[in-house]
Amino acid sequence: MQSTTRGRASGLKLPALILLFFTVFQVFGHSHWMISNDSYRYARSTLQILGEPKAKAQQDALKAFCSSRAHRNYTEGVASLDTFQEPEPHAQFFQNCMGQAKNGALSPNQPRYDRIFETRPGYPLLLAPAVAAFGVLRGMWLMALLMTLLSAGLVYRIAREAGLAVPAAGVGMAAFLLSPLCDASDGSMGGLTEGPAIATTLAVVLGGLWLIRGRVALGAVVTVLGYLVLCLTKYSTGMMLAGAFAAVGVLLAVIRPELRKWQLHAFTGISALTVLGVSAATHLWQLPGMNETLQDTFANHFTQPDVPNTTSLLLRLNGVYWQHWLMAEGYSSFYLPLLVVTCWIFVRLRGRAPVLLWLCLGIWLVGMAAAVAHPVVDQGFRLWLPAWLPVPFGLALGADHLVRLRDRSGDAQAPAAAPEPVSV
């Protein structure tokens, strides 16, 4: 019993240390953190949930937006060789920012654009306690940090659940925290829905692994809760992920007969029901769908008249986008080399964690599908961010293989132990 307790404690030291280092660095970098135009809209919804009238919530959210940008502008001015002696005053930048908002609201101030955010109540609901306790900026930053730490912990737990050693799971956690998945503008450390979306995606993966491996009650609860929070946060992403995982469940039942049990069918069924539920809710409440998203793209956030034939425009835009994507990722990012390495590791060691392999493939397809549906260069990698998630798991699996090779060579070189005396 004591040895088991010691083993669990030692298994928690590595992830706790990694999370502590990450938190310390984020605290020191907090002064450089700012919220975006979209974050302002989520902050406004959060303040309304907390009871503020719409006009006051809009004004307070605008103040938080301008304050964060004024502080960022000042710190960058101090660091600039041209302006470090006389950076632009914080108050002056703040007043200029407030004055640029027409009628006290950031543009685009269009009801159809605002409705896209109003139909995603999950993130404002998660933000509400932190914003109520610490204010808009500190509350949003704290929630981003908590979601990132939760996601990193889930990466570690998933790796361990897949049978990887503690050091290998630590490699996966560190790779996650060092990747763009935790970026302060487009990733989970930004004041957007990416934080809870990544965390809930990983929660569904962990719940699915538990469910398939026989921890039925806990796995089912975690899977359902993960899907629920994800769909309340970004229902389009939730529906795509559930559809991908339902397809993975069917595929596993075909190609892995040893997994063809009712637990796997339960995970597939929960995923399929999620797709049907989101589809029904979208139809019942007339939620913004694919066509509205395309009009938002091509009509410049509804500030211009709707365009006809969005499908052909989407195909043409994809042709341009993916050429740019390949050049940008090929010359200025480690994503493509890491993706190649990840694929090689998963294929080479496909027998080590087959369920995790196929779930990662489903997540990757969701990320790529999001980019195809919204191929806008100035959105950076935020839209296809889920496509980064397989990388930490692939690196963890590769590290686990190296650990096992080292252990085998050590066992082979160790001298044979003397036989113990036989008791009579």
Protein backbone atom coordinates (compact mmCIF):
# COMPACT_ATOMS: atom_id res chain seq x y z
CA MET A 1 0.00 0.00 0.00
CA GLN A 2 2.81 2.41 0.92
CA SER A 3 4.73 1.59 -2.28
CA THR A 4 1.61 2.30 -4.35
CA THR A 5 1.19 5.66 -2.63
CA ARG A 6 4.85 6.50 -3.21
CA GLY A 7 4.51 5.55 -6.88
CA ARG A 8 1.54 7.85 -7.36
CA ALA A 9 3.31 10.70 -5.58
CA SER A 10 6.43 10.31 -7.73
CA GLY A 11 4.23 10.20 -10.83
CA LEU A 12 2.73 13.57 -9.87
CA LYS A 13 6.03 15.36 -9.20
CA LEU A 14 7.02 15.73 -12.86
CA PRO A 15 3.73 17.20 -14.16
CA ALA A 16 3.44 19.45 -11.09
CA LEU A 17 6.94 20.82 -11.72
CA ILE A 18 6.23 21.46 -15.40
CA LEU A 19 2.97 23.25 -14.60
CA LEU A 20 4.70 25.34 -11.92
CA PHE A 21 7.39 26.54 -14.34
CA PHE A 22 4.77 27.39 -16.97
CA THR A 23 2.67 29.32 -14.44
CA VAL A 24 5.65 31.35 -13.22
CA PHE A 25 6.56 32.35 -16.76
CA GLN A 26 2.95 33.34 -17.51
CA VAL A 27 2.80 35.50 -14.37
CA PHE A 28 5.95 37.36 -15.43
CA GLY A 29 4.55 37.79 -18.95
CA HIS A 30 1.12 38.92 -17.79
CA SER A 31 1.83 42.61 -18.44
CA HIS A 32 2.18 41.83 -22.16
CA TRP A 33 -1.22 40.10 -22.33
CA MET A 34 -4.16 41.79 -24.07
CA ILE A 35 -7.63 40.93 -25.31
CA SER A 36 -8.90 41.03 -28.88
CA ASN A 37 -12.01 42.37 -30.59
CA ASP A 38 -13.71 38.99 -30.17
CA SER A 39 -12.65 38.84 -26.51
CA TYR A 40 -14.38 42.18 -25.96
CA ARG A 41 -17.64 40.61 -27.12
CA TYR A 42 -17.28 37.63 -24.79
CA ALA A 43 -16.45 40.04 -21.93
CA ARG A 44 -19.61 42.02 -22.69
CA SER A 45 -21.71 38.84 -22.57
CA THR A 46 -20.05 37.83 -19.30
CA LEU A 47 -20.83 41.16 -17.67
CA GLN A 48 -24.46 40.87 -18.80
CA ILE A 49 -24.64 37.40 -17.24
CA LEU A 50 -23.38 39.00 -14.01
CA GLY A 51 -26.32 41.41 -14.10
CA GLU A 52 -24.99 44.54 -15.79
CA PRO A 53 -27.31 46.33 -18.26
CA LYS A 54 -26.21 45.95 -21.87
CA ALA A 55 -25.03 49.57 -22.22
CA LYS A 56 -22.88 49.42 -19.07
CA ALA A 57 -21.56 45.95 -19.92
CA GLN A 58 -20.56 47.24 -23.35
CA GLN A 59 -18.80 50.25 -21.84
CA ASP A 60 -16.94 48.20 -19.23
CA ALA A 61 -15.87 45.65 -21.82
CA LEU A 62 -14.63 48.46 -24.06
CA LYS A 63 -12.63 49.94 -21.17
CA ALA A 64 -11.00 46.56 -20.55
CA PHE A 65 -10.17 46.22 -24.26
CA CYS A 66 -8.61 49.69 -24.49
CA SER A 67 -6.81 49.35 -21.16
CA SER A 68 -5.13 46.10 -22.19
CA ARG A 69 -4.02 47.59 -25.50
CA ALA A 70 -2.78 50.80 -23.88
CA HIS A 71 -0.70 48.80 -21.40
CA ARG A 72 0.70 46.59 -24.19
CA ASN A 73 1.51 49.67 -26.29
CA TYR A 74 3.32 51.30 -23.34
CA THR A 75 5.43 48.23 -22.51
CA GLU A 76 6.38 47.80 -26.18
CA GLY A 77 7.24 51.52 -26.36
CA VAL A 78 9.56 51.22 -23.38
CA ALA A 79 11.30 48.28 -25.08
CA SER A 80 11.68 50.10 -28.42
CA LEU A 81 14.98 51.87 -29.14
CA ASP A 82 13.08 54.72 -30.79
CA THR A 83 10.66 55.46 -27.97
CA PHE A 84 12.00 53.83 -24.78
CA GLN A 85 12.87 57.21 -23.24
CA GLU A 86 9.50 58.79 -24.07
CA PRO A 87 6.90 56.07 -24.75
CA GLU A 88 3.37 57.13 -25.59
CA PRO A 89 1.50 57.80 -22.32
CA HIS A 90 -0.89 55.07 -21.21
CA ALA A 91 -3.75 57.54 -20.63
CA GLN A 92 -3.40 59.14 -24.06
CA PHE A 93 -3.50 55.80 -25.89
CA PHE A 94 -6.48 54.70 -23.76
CA GLN A 95 -8.48 57.84 -24.57
CA ASN A 96 -7.70 57.53 -28.28
CA CYS A 97 -8.87 53.91 -28.23
CA MET A 98 -12.11 54.79 -26.45
CA GLY A 99 -12.74 57.62 -28.90
CA GLN A 100 -12.43 55.33 -31.92
CA ALA A 101 -15.41 53.22 -30.79
CA LYS A 102 -18.53 54.43 -32.57
CA ASN A 103 -21.52 54.77 -30.25
CA GLY A 104 -19.46 53.18 -27.49
CA ALA A 105 -19.03 49.86 -29.32
CA LEU A 106 -16.24 48.28 -31.32
CA SER A 107 -16.86 47.69 -34.98
CA PRO A 108 -18.18 45.67 -36.67
CA ASN A 109 -21.26 46.69 -34.73
CA GLN A 110 -23.70 44.49 -36.64
CA PRO A 111 -26.51 42.47 -35.01
CA ARG A 112 -25.81 39.42 -37.21
CA TYR A 113 -22.16 39.49 -36.21
CA ASP A 114 -22.99 39.86 -32.52
CA ARG A 115 -25.41 36.93 -32.74
CA ILE A 116 -22.53 34.59 -33.63
CA PHE A 117 -21.06 35.30 -30.18
CA GLU A 118 -24.38 35.45 -28.33
CA THR A 119 -25.15 31.86 -29.38
CA ARG A 120 -21.98 30.62 -27.63
CA PRO A 121 -22.85 31.03 -23.93
CA GLY A 122 -20.39 28.43 -22.65
CA TYR A 123 -17.30 30.65 -22.51
CA PRO A 124 -19.02 33.66 -20.83
CA LEU A 125 -20.56 31.29 -18.26
CA LEU A 126 -17.11 29.87 -17.46
CA LEU A 127 -15.69 33.38 -17.23
CA ALA A 128 -18.38 34.77 -14.95
CA PRO A 129 -16.96 33.66 -11.54
CA ALA A 130 -13.43 34.84 -12.34
CA VAL A 131 -14.59 38.16 -13.80
CA ALA A 132 -16.88 38.74 -10.81
CA ALA A 133 -13.97 38.14 -8.42
CA PHE A 134 -11.04 39.80 -10.26
CA GLY A 135 -12.47 42.07 -12.94
CA VAL A 136 -12.54 41.65 -16.71
CA LEU A 137 -8.84 41.59 -17.59
CA ARG A 138 -7.50 39.65 -14.61
CA GLY A 139 -10.49 37.30 -14.69
CA MET A 140 -10.08 36.50 -18.40
CA TRP A 141 -6.33 36.00 -17.99
CA LEU A 142 -6.85 33.73 -15.00
CA MET A 143 -9.43 31.64 -16.85
CA ALA A 144 -7.05 31.31 -19.82
CA LEU A 145 -4.31 30.13 -17.47
CA LEU A 146 -6.59 27.64 -15.71
CA MET A 147 -7.84 26.21 -19.01
CA THR A 148 -4.25 25.85 -20.25
CA LEU A 149 -3.11 24.11 -17.07
CA LEU A 150 -6.16 21.83 -17.20
CA SER A 151 -5.42 20.96 -20.83
CA ALA A 152 -1.77 20.20 -20.03
CA GLY A 153 -2.86 17.96 -17.16
CA LEU A 154 -5.26 16.16 -19.48
CA VAL A 155 -2.47 15.58 -22.02
CA TYR A 156 -0.40 13.98 -19.27
CA ARG A 157 -3.32 11.86 -17.99
CA ILE A 158 -4.25 10.70 -21.50
CA ALA A 159 -0.66 9.65 -22.18
CA ARG A 160 -0.56 7.70 -18.93
CA GLU A 161 -3.95 6.13 -19.67
CA ALA A 162 -2.57 5.01 -23.03
CA GLY A 163 0.16 3.13 -21.17
CA LEU A 164 3.06 5.57 -21.63
CA ALA A 165 5.74 5.94 -18.98
CA VAL A 166 5.89 8.95 -16.66
CA PRO A 167 8.87 10.62 -18.42
CA ALA A 168 7.19 10.15 -21.81
CA ALA A 169 3.92 11.63 -20.55
CA GLY A 170 5.96 14.57 -19.21
CA VAL A 171 7.46 15.05 -22.68
CA GLY A 172 3.95 15.21 -24.12
CA MET A 173 2.87 17.76 -21.51
CA ALA A 174 5.95 19.93 -22.10
CA ALA A 175 5.50 19.72 -25.88
CA PHE A 176 1.89 20.85 -25.47
CA LEU A 177 2.84 23.86 -23.32
CA LEU A 178 5.65 24.88 -25.70
CA SER A 179 3.51 24.58 -28.83
CA PRO A 180 1.27 27.24 -30.43
CA LEU A 181 -1.63 25.47 -28.70
CA CYS A 182 -0.83 27.69 -25.69
CA ASP A 183 -0.11 30.87 -27.61
CA ALA A 184 -1.17 34.11 -25.86
CA SER A 185 -3.00 35.47 -28.90
CA ASP A 186 -4.34 32.56 -30.96
CA GLY A 187 -4.03 29.68 -28.49
CA SER A 188 -5.43 28.70 -25.13
CA MET A 189 -3.68 31.58 -23.30
CA GLY A 190 -5.62 34.12 -25.35
CA GLY A 191 -8.92 35.55 -24.17
CA LEU A 192 -10.94 33.49 -26.62
CA THR A 193 -12.80 30.17 -26.79
CA GLU A 194 -9.69 28.20 -27.78
CA GLY A 195 -8.82 27.50 -24.14
CA PRO A 196 -12.07 25.75 -23.17
CA ALA A 197 -12.36 24.18 -26.64
CA ILE A 198 -8.96 22.49 -26.32
CA ALA A 199 -9.64 21.43 -22.72
CA THR A 200 -13.03 19.91 -23.55
CA THR A 201 -11.67 18.14 -26.64
CA LEU A 202 -9.04 16.50 -24.45
CA ALA A 203 -11.69 15.68 -21.84
CA VAL A 204 -13.70 13.81 -24.49
CA VAL A 205 -10.55 11.89 -25.50
CA LEU A 206 -9.84 10.92 -21.89
CA GLY A 207 -13.48 9.99 -21.28
CA GLY A 208 -13.46 7.89 -24.44
CA LEU A 209 -10.32 6.03 -23.37
CA TRP A 210 -11.81 5.34 -19.95
CA LEU A 211 -15.08 4.19 -21.45
CA ILE A 212 -13.47 1.88 -23.99
CA ARG A 213 -11.14 0.40 -21.35
CA GLY A 214 -14.01 -0.46 -19.02
CA ARG A 215 -14.26 2.47 -16.61
CA VAL A 216 -17.79 2.90 -17.88
CA ALA A 217 -19.48 5.27 -15.42
CA LEU A 218 -16.58 7.73 -15.14
CA GLY A 219 -15.79 7.56 -18.85
CA ALA A 220 -19.40 8.17 -19.89
CA VAL A 221 -19.80 11.14 -17.52
CA VAL A 222 -16.54 12.79 -18.64
CA THR A 223 -17.36 12.22 -22.33
CA VAL A 224 -20.87 13.66 -22.04
CA LEU A 225 -19.74 16.66 -19.98
CA GLY A 226 -16.88 17.31 -22.40
CA TYR A 227 -19.22 17.32 -25.38
CA LEU A 228 -21.77 19.46 -23.53
CA VAL A 229 -19.33 22.23 -22.56
CA LEU A 230 -17.66 22.14 -25.98
CA CYS A 231 -20.99 22.49 -27.79
CA LEU A 232 -22.05 25.34 -25.53
CA THR A 233 -18.72 27.02 -26.25
CA LYS A 234 -18.39 26.32 -30.00
CA TYR A 235 -21.22 24.13 -31.23
CA SER A 236 -19.84 23.85 -34.77
CA THR A 237 -16.55 22.46 -33.43
CA GLY A 238 -18.44 20.16 -31.07
CA MET A 239 -20.51 18.73 -33.90
CA MET A 240 -17.47 18.17 -36.14
CA LEU A 241 -15.51 16.51 -33.33
CA ALA A 242 -18.43 14.26 -32.39
CA GLY A 243 -18.88 13.29 -36.04
CA ALA A 244 -15.17 12.48 -36.38
CA PHE A 245 -15.16 10.41 -33.17
CA ALA A 246 -18.33 8.55 -34.20
CA ALA A 247 -16.56 7.62 -37.45
CA VAL A 248 -13.47 6.57 -35.47
CA GLY A 249 -15.64 4.34 -33.28
CA VAL A 250 -17.11 2.59 -36.31
CA LEU A 251 -13.66 2.22 -37.88
CA LEU A 252 -12.17 0.73 -34.71
CA ALA A 253 -15.01 -1.77 -34.51
CA VAL A 254 -14.13 -2.92 -38.04
CA ILE A 255 -10.32 -2.99 -37.96
CA ARG A 256 -9.74 -3.91 -34.30
CA PRO A 257 -11.99 -6.90 -33.48
CA GLU A 258 -10.57 -7.14 -29.95
CA LEU A 259 -12.09 -3.71 -29.21
CA ARG A 260 -15.51 -4.65 -30.58
CA LYS A 261 -17.28 -4.46 -27.24
CA TRP A 262 -20.31 -2.61 -26.01
CA GLN A 263 -18.10 0.04 -24.35
CA LEU A 264 -16.75 1.07 -27.75
CA HIS A 265 -20.28 1.09 -29.13
CA ALA A 266 -21.33 3.30 -26.21
CA PHE A 267 -18.64 5.88 -27.05
CA THR A 268 -19.67 5.78 -30.70
CA GLY A 269 -23.32 6.18 -29.73
CA ILE A 270 -22.65 9.17 -27.44
CA SER A 271 -20.72 10.85 -30.26
CA ALA A 272 -23.46 10.16 -32.81
CA LEU A 273 -26.16 11.45 -30.45
CA THR A 274 -24.13 14.62 -29.96
CA VAL A 275 -24.15 15.22 -33.70
CA LEU A 276 -27.91 14.70 -33.85
CA GLY A 277 -28.46 16.92 -30.79
CA VAL A 278 -26.44 19.84 -32.17
CA SER A 279 -28.15 19.52 -35.56
CA ALA A 280 -31.57 19.59 -33.91
CA ALA A 281 -30.65 22.58 -31.71
CA THR A 282 -29.28 24.48 -34.71
CA HIS A 283 -32.53 23.93 -36.61
CA LEU A 284 -34.82 24.57 -33.62
CA TRP A 285 -33.23 27.83 -32.47
CA GLN A 286 -32.07 28.99 -35.91
CA LEU A 287 -28.46 29.20 -34.80
CA PRO A 288 -25.91 30.66 -37.27
CA GLY A 289 -24.75 27.88 -39.55
CA MET A 290 -22.28 27.38 -42.36
CA ASN A 291 -23.97 29.84 -44.73
CA GLU A 292 -23.97 32.59 -42.11
CA THR A 293 -20.29 31.95 -41.41
CA LEU A 294 -19.49 32.27 -45.12
CA GLN A 295 -21.48 35.50 -45.39
CA ASP A 296 -19.53 36.81 -42.39
CA THR A 297 -16.33 36.03 -44.30
CA PHE A 298 -17.25 37.36 -47.73
CA ALA A 299 -19.45 40.31 -46.65
CA ASN A 300 -16.74 41.65 -44.29
CA HIS A 301 -18.55 40.86 -41.04
CA PHE A 302 -21.92 41.82 -42.54
CA THR A 303 -20.83 45.42 -43.23
CA GLN A 304 -21.42 44.80 -46.96
CA PRO A 305 -24.36 43.22 -48.82
CA ASP A 306 -24.62 39.43 -48.81
CA VAL A 307 -22.84 37.73 -51.69
CA PRO A 308 -24.37 35.05 -53.94
CA ASN A 309 -22.84 31.64 -54.57
CA THR A 310 -20.67 31.42 -51.47
CA THR A 311 -19.64 27.85 -52.36
CA SER A 312 -17.73 28.85 -55.48
CA LEU A 313 -16.11 31.76 -53.62
CA LEU A 314 -15.08 29.37 -50.84
CA LEU A 315 -13.45 27.01 -53.35
CA ARG A 316 -11.52 29.86 -54.96
CA LEU A 317 -10.41 31.21 -51.60
CA ASN A 318 -9.23 27.75 -50.55
CA GLY A 319 -7.08 27.53 -53.65
CA VAL A 320 -5.26 30.71 -52.66
CA TYR A 321 -5.22 30.00 -48.93
CA TRP A 322 -3.57 26.59 -49.06
CA GLN A 323 -0.78 27.82 -51.33
CA HIS A 324 -0.06 30.54 -48.79
CA TRP A 325 -0.42 28.04 -45.93
CA LEU A 326 2.17 25.68 -47.39
CA MET A 327 4.65 28.49 -47.95
CA ALA A 328 4.10 30.04 -44.53
CA GLU A 329 4.27 26.73 -42.65
CA GLY A 330 7.18 25.53 -44.74
CA TYR A 331 9.36 28.58 -44.13
CA SER A 332 8.34 29.95 -40.74
CA SER A 333 6.98 27.08 -38.68
CA PHE A 334 8.01 23.73 -37.25
CA TYR A 335 4.52 22.34 -37.75
CA LEU A 336 5.05 20.39 -40.98
CA PRO A 337 8.31 18.68 -39.83
CA LEU A 338 6.75 17.86 -36.46
CA LEU A 339 3.64 16.53 -38.17
CA VAL A 340 5.77 14.26 -40.37
CA VAL A 341 7.66 12.99 -37.32
CA THR A 342 4.38 12.46 -35.45
CA CYS A 343 2.87 10.48 -38.33
CA TRP A 344 5.99 8.33 -38.61
CA ILE A 345 5.95 7.58 -34.87
CA PHE A 346 2.25 6.72 -34.85
CA VAL A 347 2.61 4.42 -37.88
CA ARG A 348 5.82 2.84 -36.61
CA LEU A 349 4.37 2.22 -33.13
CA ARG A 350 0.72 1.81 -34.10
CA GLY A 351 0.31 -1.22 -31.85
CA ARG A 352 1.27 0.71 -28.70
CA ALA A 353 -1.75 3.06 -28.50
CA PRO A 354 -4.17 2.24 -31.33
CA VAL A 355 -7.21 4.00 -29.88
CA LEU A 356 -5.27 7.20 -29.17
CA LEU A 357 -3.82 7.09 -32.69
CA TRP A 358 -7.25 7.10 -34.33
CA LEU A 359 -8.67 9.70 -31.96
CA CYS A 360 -5.73 11.97 -32.82
CA LEU A 361 -6.45 11.45 -36.50
CA GLY A 362 -10.05 12.53 -35.89
CA ILE A 363 -8.90 15.69 -34.09
CA TRP A 364 -6.47 16.49 -36.90
CA LEU A 365 -9.23 16.19 -39.49
CA VAL A 366 -11.43 18.54 -37.46
CA GLY A 367 -8.67 21.15 -37.46
CA MET A 368 -8.13 20.87 -41.19
CA ALA A 369 -11.89 20.94 -41.88
CA ALA A 370 -12.20 24.16 -39.86
CA ALA A 371 -9.50 25.76 -42.00
CA VAL A 372 -11.21 24.59 -45.21
CA ALA A 373 -14.52 26.07 -44.02
CA HIS A 374 -12.92 29.39 -43.05
CA PRO A 375 -9.70 29.88 -45.05
CA VAL A 376 -8.75 33.37 -43.88
CA VAL A 377 -5.04 34.14 -43.66
CA ASP A 378 -5.33 36.92 -41.07
CA GLN A 379 -6.87 34.48 -38.60
CA GLY A 380 -3.45 32.86 -38.26
CA PHE A 381 -3.46 29.28 -37.02
CA ARG A 382 -6.35 29.82 -34.59
CA LEU A 383 -8.93 28.08 -36.75
CA TRP A 384 -6.87 24.97 -37.49
CA LEU A 385 -5.34 24.89 -34.01
CA PRO A 386 -6.78 21.39 -33.21
CA ALA A 387 -4.49 20.00 -35.92
CA TRP A 388 -1.59 20.67 -33.51
CA LEU A 389 -2.99 18.34 -30.83
CA PRO A 390 -1.64 15.06 -32.26
CA VAL A 391 1.93 16.41 -32.11
CA PRO A 392 2.39 16.28 -28.29
CA PHE A 393 0.98 12.75 -28.20
CA GLY A 394 3.19 11.61 -31.05
CA LEU A 395 6.29 12.99 -29.36
CA ALA A 396 5.24 11.37 -26.08
CA LEU A 397 4.83 8.02 -27.81
CA GLY A 398 8.27 8.38 -29.39
CA ALA A 399 9.80 9.25 -26.02
CA ASP A 400 8.12 6.23 -24.46
CA HIS A 401 9.68 4.01 -27.13
CA LEU A 402 13.13 5.39 -26.32
CA VAL A 403 12.57 4.84 -22.59
CA ARG A 404 11.63 1.21 -23.23
CA LEU A 405 14.67 0.66 -25.46
CA ARG A 406 16.92 2.08 -22.75
CA ASP A 407 15.33 -0.14 -20.09
CA ARG A 408 15.75 -3.23 -22.29
CA SER A 409 19.42 -2.51 -22.96
CA GLY A 410 19.96 -1.92 -19.24
CA ASP A 411 18.33 -5.23 -18.39
CA ALA A 412 20.42 -7.04 -20.99
CA GLN A 413 23.67 -5.62 -19.60
CA ALA A 414 22.85 -6.15 -15.92
CA PRO A 415 24.58 -9.17 -14.31
CA ALA A 416 22.41 -12.09 -13.45
CA ALA A 417 21.18 -12.00 -9.87
CA ALA A 418 22.34 -14.70 -7.49
CA PRO A 419 19.66 -17.31 -6.81
CA GLU A 420 17.84 -16.84 -3.56
CA PRO A 421 18.08 -19.65 -1.01
CA VAL A 422 15.15 -21.99 -1.07
CA SER A 423 13.27 -22.11 2.20
CA VAL A 424 12.22 -25.49 3.45
